[in-house]
């Protein structure tokens, strides 16, 4: 029987980024579900805080060399890979000097979010899907972690909906109580409108006059996981109102088994 394939798309992951809810789950989950018989690939940004020598990153030449268009500019996409310590698992890193060379993740030394975080998110999300196409590897489940991945569900249901490699993919969005869209400019919808999309195609990412990344991601996902124990009232309301399958927050002792069961339930729906 062919192994089911799970793609983990995450903005953070131990030991490559600082300890956080996302980085901890993104480290433990891939190894756990791989040990349960799934085939796993992990994609994340190659932030400038990641020490390439210490973590033994090296470029994957056959995957590199693409250009990703963001706001009418071309940005080269470099793919690097490393073996995850303590696991038989490889992590792929999406790199670009314009977006990821700086020595901090989302904010400068004074705690001010970077002005180009929206551009970085668009680059990363489109780069993820182009990289998977180049893998020639059709994921059964695409599991997105964090606001930086929030455009992946949209792109899969719109710009990439006719790509054969994604035809049977179920998208799961893990929602955490963190997001930086308040710092995004009004041009976000133009920048995120890739591959002949129009800004109107991103209406689900609007909340009144504001941007709401979680709302859009939930709209275009097939299922949702509550990744944070405490959510803002507005974010909790999004989960309450959705008709998508939802896995409520699970603590440290039970989330791995619960996520696996949730994945299996989604795969069983596919078979029915």
Protein backbone atom coordinates (compact mmCIF):
# COMPACT_ATOMS: atom_id res chain seq x y z
CA UNK A 1 0.00 0.00 0.00
CA UNK A 2 1.40 3.39 -1.01
CA UNK A 3 2.25 5.69 1.86
CA UNK A 4 0.11 8.78 2.30
CA UNK A 5 2.05 12.01 1.85
CA UNK A 6 1.91 14.98 4.22
CA UNK A 7 3.51 18.33 3.40
CA UNK A 8 4.26 20.50 6.44
CA UNK A 9 4.52 24.21 5.57
CA UNK A 10 5.68 26.24 8.55
CA UNK A 11 7.08 29.68 9.30
CA UNK A 12 9.05 28.36 12.30
CA UNK A 13 10.64 25.11 13.43
CA UNK A 14 12.99 23.95 16.14
CA UNK A 15 15.99 23.85 16.18
CA UNK A 16 16.20 26.38 13.34
CA UNK A 17 14.15 29.19 14.89
CA UNK A 18 13.48 30.30 18.47
CA UNK A 19 11.22 28.29 20.73
CA UNK A 20 7.53 29.05 20.16
CA UNK A 21 4.23 27.21 19.94
CA UNK A 22 4.65 26.84 16.21
CA UNK A 23 8.32 25.84 16.23
CA UNK A 24 7.73 23.17 18.88
CA UNK A 25 4.76 21.56 17.10
CA UNK A 26 6.44 21.82 13.69
CA UNK A 27 9.43 19.92 15.10
CA UNK A 28 7.59 17.07 16.79
CA UNK A 29 4.69 16.50 14.39
CA UNK A 30 6.58 15.51 11.20
CA UNK A 31 8.72 12.95 13.00
CA UNK A 32 5.71 11.48 14.82
CA UNK A 33 3.55 11.01 11.73
CA UNK A 34 6.50 9.70 9.73
CA UNK A 35 7.03 7.05 12.39
CA UNK A 36 3.34 6.17 11.97
CA UNK A 37 3.88 5.33 8.30
CA UNK A 38 3.39 8.61 6.43
CA UNK A 39 5.78 10.13 3.91
CA UNK A 40 6.73 13.65 5.02
CA UNK A 41 8.28 16.77 3.54
CA UNK A 42 8.80 20.02 5.45
CA UNK A 43 9.21 23.48 3.89
CA UNK A 44 10.09 26.67 5.78
CA UNK A 45 11.85 30.02 5.13
CA UNK A 46 15.64 30.17 5.42
CA UNK A 47 15.77 33.11 7.80
CA UNK A 48 19.11 34.86 8.30
CA UNK A 49 19.08 33.76 11.93
CA UNK A 50 19.64 30.15 10.82
CA UNK A 51 23.30 29.15 11.00
CA UNK A 52 23.91 27.22 7.78
CA UNK A 53 27.20 25.71 8.90
CA UNK A 54 25.93 24.52 12.27
CA UNK A 55 22.76 23.02 10.79
CA UNK A 56 24.54 21.75 7.66
CA UNK A 57 22.32 23.37 5.07
CA UNK A 58 23.28 22.93 1.45
CA UNK A 59 21.71 24.06 -1.80
CA UNK A 60 19.61 21.68 -3.87
CA UNK A 61 20.70 22.79 -7.33
CA UNK A 62 18.03 20.83 -9.22
CA UNK A 63 15.28 22.67 -7.29
CA UNK A 64 16.84 26.14 -7.30
CA UNK A 65 16.85 28.64 -10.14
CA UNK A 66 13.18 29.60 -10.32
CA UNK A 67 12.06 33.21 -10.16
CA UNK A 68 9.04 34.21 -8.09
CA UNK A 69 7.19 37.38 -9.08
CA UNK A 70 6.07 39.64 -6.22
CA UNK A 71 4.56 43.03 -7.03
CA UNK A 72 5.86 42.86 -10.63
CA UNK A 73 9.46 42.19 -9.55
CA UNK A 74 11.35 38.93 -10.07
CA UNK A 75 13.04 37.34 -7.06
CA UNK A 76 15.25 34.25 -7.39
CA UNK A 77 14.23 31.27 -5.27
CA UNK A 78 17.03 29.19 -3.80
CA UNK A 79 16.21 25.85 -2.18
CA UNK A 80 18.40 24.44 0.57
CA UNK A 81 18.06 21.26 2.61
CA UNK A 82 19.21 19.89 5.96
CA UNK A 83 18.70 16.68 7.88
CA UNK A 84 16.68 17.19 11.05
CA UNK A 85 18.80 16.19 14.07
CA UNK A 86 17.52 13.07 15.79
CA UNK A 87 15.16 12.14 12.97
CA UNK A 88 15.36 10.52 9.54
CA UNK A 89 13.77 13.58 8.01
CA UNK A 90 14.85 16.35 5.65
CA UNK A 91 13.78 19.97 5.93
CA UNK A 92 13.74 22.17 2.82
CA UNK A 93 14.43 25.90 3.17
CA UNK A 94 13.22 28.60 0.77
CA UNK A 95 15.83 31.33 0.50
CA UNK A 96 16.18 34.72 -1.11
CA UNK A 97 18.62 37.47 -0.12
CA UNK A 98 16.08 40.29 -0.45
CA UNK A 99 13.62 38.67 1.95
CA UNK A 100 15.54 36.40 4.28
CA UNK A 101 19.16 37.50 4.62
CA UNK A 102 18.55 39.86 7.59
CA UNK A 103 19.54 38.61 11.02
CA UNK A 104 16.07 38.57 12.54
CA UNK A 105 12.81 36.86 11.67
CA UNK A 106 9.77 39.20 11.51
CA UNK A 107 10.87 42.32 13.43
CA UNK A 108 13.91 44.57 13.61
CA UNK A 109 16.08 45.06 16.71
CA UNK A 110 13.58 47.59 18.09
CA UNK A 111 10.63 45.21 17.74
CA UNK A 112 9.18 46.95 14.68
CA UNK A 113 7.73 44.51 12.13
CA UNK A 114 9.48 44.63 8.76
CA UNK A 115 7.72 46.71 6.12
CA UNK A 116 8.00 43.88 3.60
CA UNK A 117 6.49 41.07 5.69
CA UNK A 118 3.54 40.88 3.28
CA UNK A 119 5.90 40.53 0.31
CA UNK A 120 7.85 37.85 2.16
CA UNK A 121 4.65 35.91 2.81
CA UNK A 122 3.58 36.07 -0.85
CA UNK A 123 7.05 34.97 -1.97
CA UNK A 124 7.10 32.10 0.49
CA UNK A 125 3.60 30.79 -0.24
CA UNK A 126 4.00 30.85 -4.01
CA UNK A 127 7.53 29.46 -3.67
CA UNK A 128 6.24 26.54 -1.62
CA UNK A 129 3.78 25.48 -4.32
CA UNK A 130 6.28 25.90 -7.14
CA UNK A 131 8.81 23.84 -5.18
CA UNK A 132 6.32 21.02 -4.61
CA UNK A 133 5.57 21.02 -8.35
CA UNK A 134 9.29 20.65 -8.98
CA UNK A 135 9.45 17.78 -6.46
CA UNK A 136 6.89 15.97 -8.61
CA UNK A 137 5.47 14.81 -5.29
CA UNK A 138 1.67 14.91 -4.83
CA UNK A 139 0.73 15.58 -1.16
CA UNK A 140 -2.45 14.08 0.26
CA UNK A 141 -2.45 16.64 3.07
CA UNK A 142 -0.87 20.10 3.13
CA UNK A 143 -0.64 21.33 6.73
CA UNK A 144 0.07 25.06 7.12
CA UNK A 145 1.42 26.56 10.36
CA UNK A 146 1.32 30.29 11.06
CA UNK A 147 0.15 33.52 9.42
CA UNK A 148 3.03 33.48 6.93
CA UNK A 149 1.49 30.39 5.31
CA UNK A 150 -2.05 31.80 5.18
CA UNK A 151 -2.09 32.37 1.41
CA UNK A 152 -1.32 28.73 0.58
CA UNK A 153 -4.99 27.60 0.97
CA UNK A 154 -6.14 30.45 -1.30
CA UNK A 155 -3.58 29.69 -4.01
CA UNK A 156 -4.42 25.98 -3.98
CA UNK A 157 -8.12 26.70 -4.54
CA UNK A 158 -7.57 29.39 -7.20
CA UNK A 159 -4.28 29.95 -9.02
CA UNK A 160 -3.17 26.30 -8.68
CA UNK A 161 -6.56 24.56 -8.80
CA UNK A 162 -5.85 22.94 -12.17
CA UNK A 163 -2.39 21.65 -11.25
CA UNK A 164 -2.58 17.83 -11.41
CA UNK A 165 -0.17 17.42 -8.49
CA UNK A 166 -2.58 19.16 -6.08
CA UNK A 167 -5.83 17.60 -7.33
CA UNK A 168 -6.26 15.32 -4.32
CA UNK A 169 -4.64 17.53 -1.69
CA UNK A 170 -6.55 18.43 1.49
CA UNK A 171 -5.41 21.68 3.11
CA UNK A 172 -5.29 21.99 6.90
CA UNK A 173 -4.61 25.38 8.50
CA UNK A 174 -3.32 25.48 12.07
CA UNK A 175 -4.46 28.74 13.59
CA UNK A 176 -2.25 30.33 16.24
CA UNK A 177 -2.90 33.52 18.16
CA UNK A 178 -0.30 35.54 16.33
CA UNK A 179 -0.39 37.52 13.14
CA UNK A 180 1.16 40.65 11.71
CA UNK A 181 -1.44 41.77 9.18
CA UNK A 182 -2.08 45.01 11.10
CA UNK A 183 1.27 46.16 9.74
CA UNK A 184 0.41 45.27 6.12
CA UNK A 185 -0.29 48.09 3.67
CA UNK A 186 -3.38 48.56 1.50
CA UNK A 187 -1.37 47.17 -1.43
CA UNK A 188 -1.38 43.68 0.13
CA UNK A 189 -4.28 42.54 -2.06
CA UNK A 190 -2.50 43.64 -5.23
CA UNK A 191 0.73 41.92 -4.18
CA UNK A 192 -1.02 38.69 -3.23
CA UNK A 193 -2.92 38.56 -6.55
CA UNK A 194 -0.57 36.16 -8.33
CA UNK A 195 -1.05 34.23 -11.59
CA UNK A 196 -3.94 36.31 -12.97
CA UNK A 197 -5.81 36.52 -9.69
CA UNK A 198 -7.60 39.80 -9.01
CA UNK A 199 -7.66 41.65 -5.67
CA UNK A 200 -11.38 40.75 -5.50
CA UNK A 201 -10.37 37.07 -5.26
CA UNK A 202 -8.97 37.87 -1.81
CA UNK A 203 -12.22 39.24 -0.35
CA UNK A 204 -12.19 36.49 2.29
CA UNK A 205 -9.00 38.06 3.70
CA UNK A 206 -10.87 41.29 4.49
CA UNK A 207 -12.66 42.16 7.69
CA UNK A 208 -14.33 45.50 7.08
CA UNK A 209 -11.48 47.75 6.00
CA UNK A 210 -8.89 45.56 7.71
CA UNK A 211 -6.87 42.56 6.58
CA UNK A 212 -7.60 39.26 8.33
CA UNK A 213 -5.22 36.48 7.27
CA UNK A 214 -6.80 33.83 9.50
CA UNK A 215 -10.27 34.48 8.05
CA UNK A 216 -9.04 34.01 4.50
CA UNK A 217 -7.03 30.91 5.32
CA UNK A 218 -10.01 29.28 7.04
CA UNK A 219 -12.27 30.09 4.09
CA UNK A 220 -10.02 28.29 1.61
CA UNK A 221 -8.84 25.42 3.83
CA UNK A 222 -10.50 22.02 4.01
CA UNK A 223 -10.03 21.75 7.78
CA UNK A 224 -8.78 23.81 10.72
CA UNK A 225 -6.72 23.05 13.82
CA UNK A 226 -6.70 25.32 16.87
CA UNK A 227 -2.98 25.58 17.58
CA UNK A 228 -3.09 28.03 20.51
CA UNK A 229 -4.84 27.43 23.82
CA UNK A 230 -5.84 31.09 24.08
CA UNK A 231 -7.20 32.99 21.12
CA UNK A 232 -8.50 36.52 20.78
CA UNK A 233 -12.30 36.81 20.75
CA UNK A 234 -12.28 37.71 17.07
CA UNK A 235 -10.12 34.73 16.15
CA UNK A 236 -12.15 32.32 18.31
CA UNK A 237 -15.29 33.57 16.59
CA UNK A 238 -13.85 32.65 13.19
CA UNK A 239 -13.52 29.05 14.34
CA UNK A 240 -17.00 29.01 15.88
CA UNK A 241 -18.55 30.23 12.63
CA UNK A 242 -16.81 27.93 10.17
CA UNK A 243 -18.52 24.83 8.79
CA UNK A 244 -15.15 23.17 8.15
CA UNK A 245 -13.95 20.23 10.28
CA UNK A 246 -12.20 21.70 13.34
CA UNK A 247 -9.81 20.04 15.76
CA UNK A 248 -9.98 21.93 19.03
CA UNK A 249 -6.82 22.78 20.95
CA UNK A 250 -4.99 19.79 22.41
CA UNK A 251 -2.33 19.98 25.12
CA UNK A 252 1.24 18.75 25.05
CA UNK A 253 0.36 15.19 26.06
CA UNK A 254 -2.27 14.52 23.41
CA UNK A 255 -1.87 16.73 20.36
CA UNK A 256 0.33 14.39 18.31
CA UNK A 257 -2.09 11.47 18.44
CA UNK A 258 -5.04 13.84 17.93
CA UNK A 259 -3.47 15.40 14.82
CA UNK A 260 -2.80 11.95 13.37
CA UNK A 261 -6.40 10.89 13.97
CA UNK A 262 -7.62 14.14 12.39
CA UNK A 263 -5.49 13.55 9.29
CA UNK A 264 -6.79 10.01 8.98
CA UNK A 265 -10.39 11.22 9.23
CA UNK A 266 -9.78 13.65 6.35
CA UNK A 267 -8.19 10.91 4.25
CA UNK A 268 -11.13 8.60 4.91
CA UNK A 269 -13.51 11.29 3.60
CA UNK A 270 -11.51 11.25 0.40
CA UNK A 271 -12.06 7.51 -0.01
CA UNK A 272 -15.85 7.59 0.61
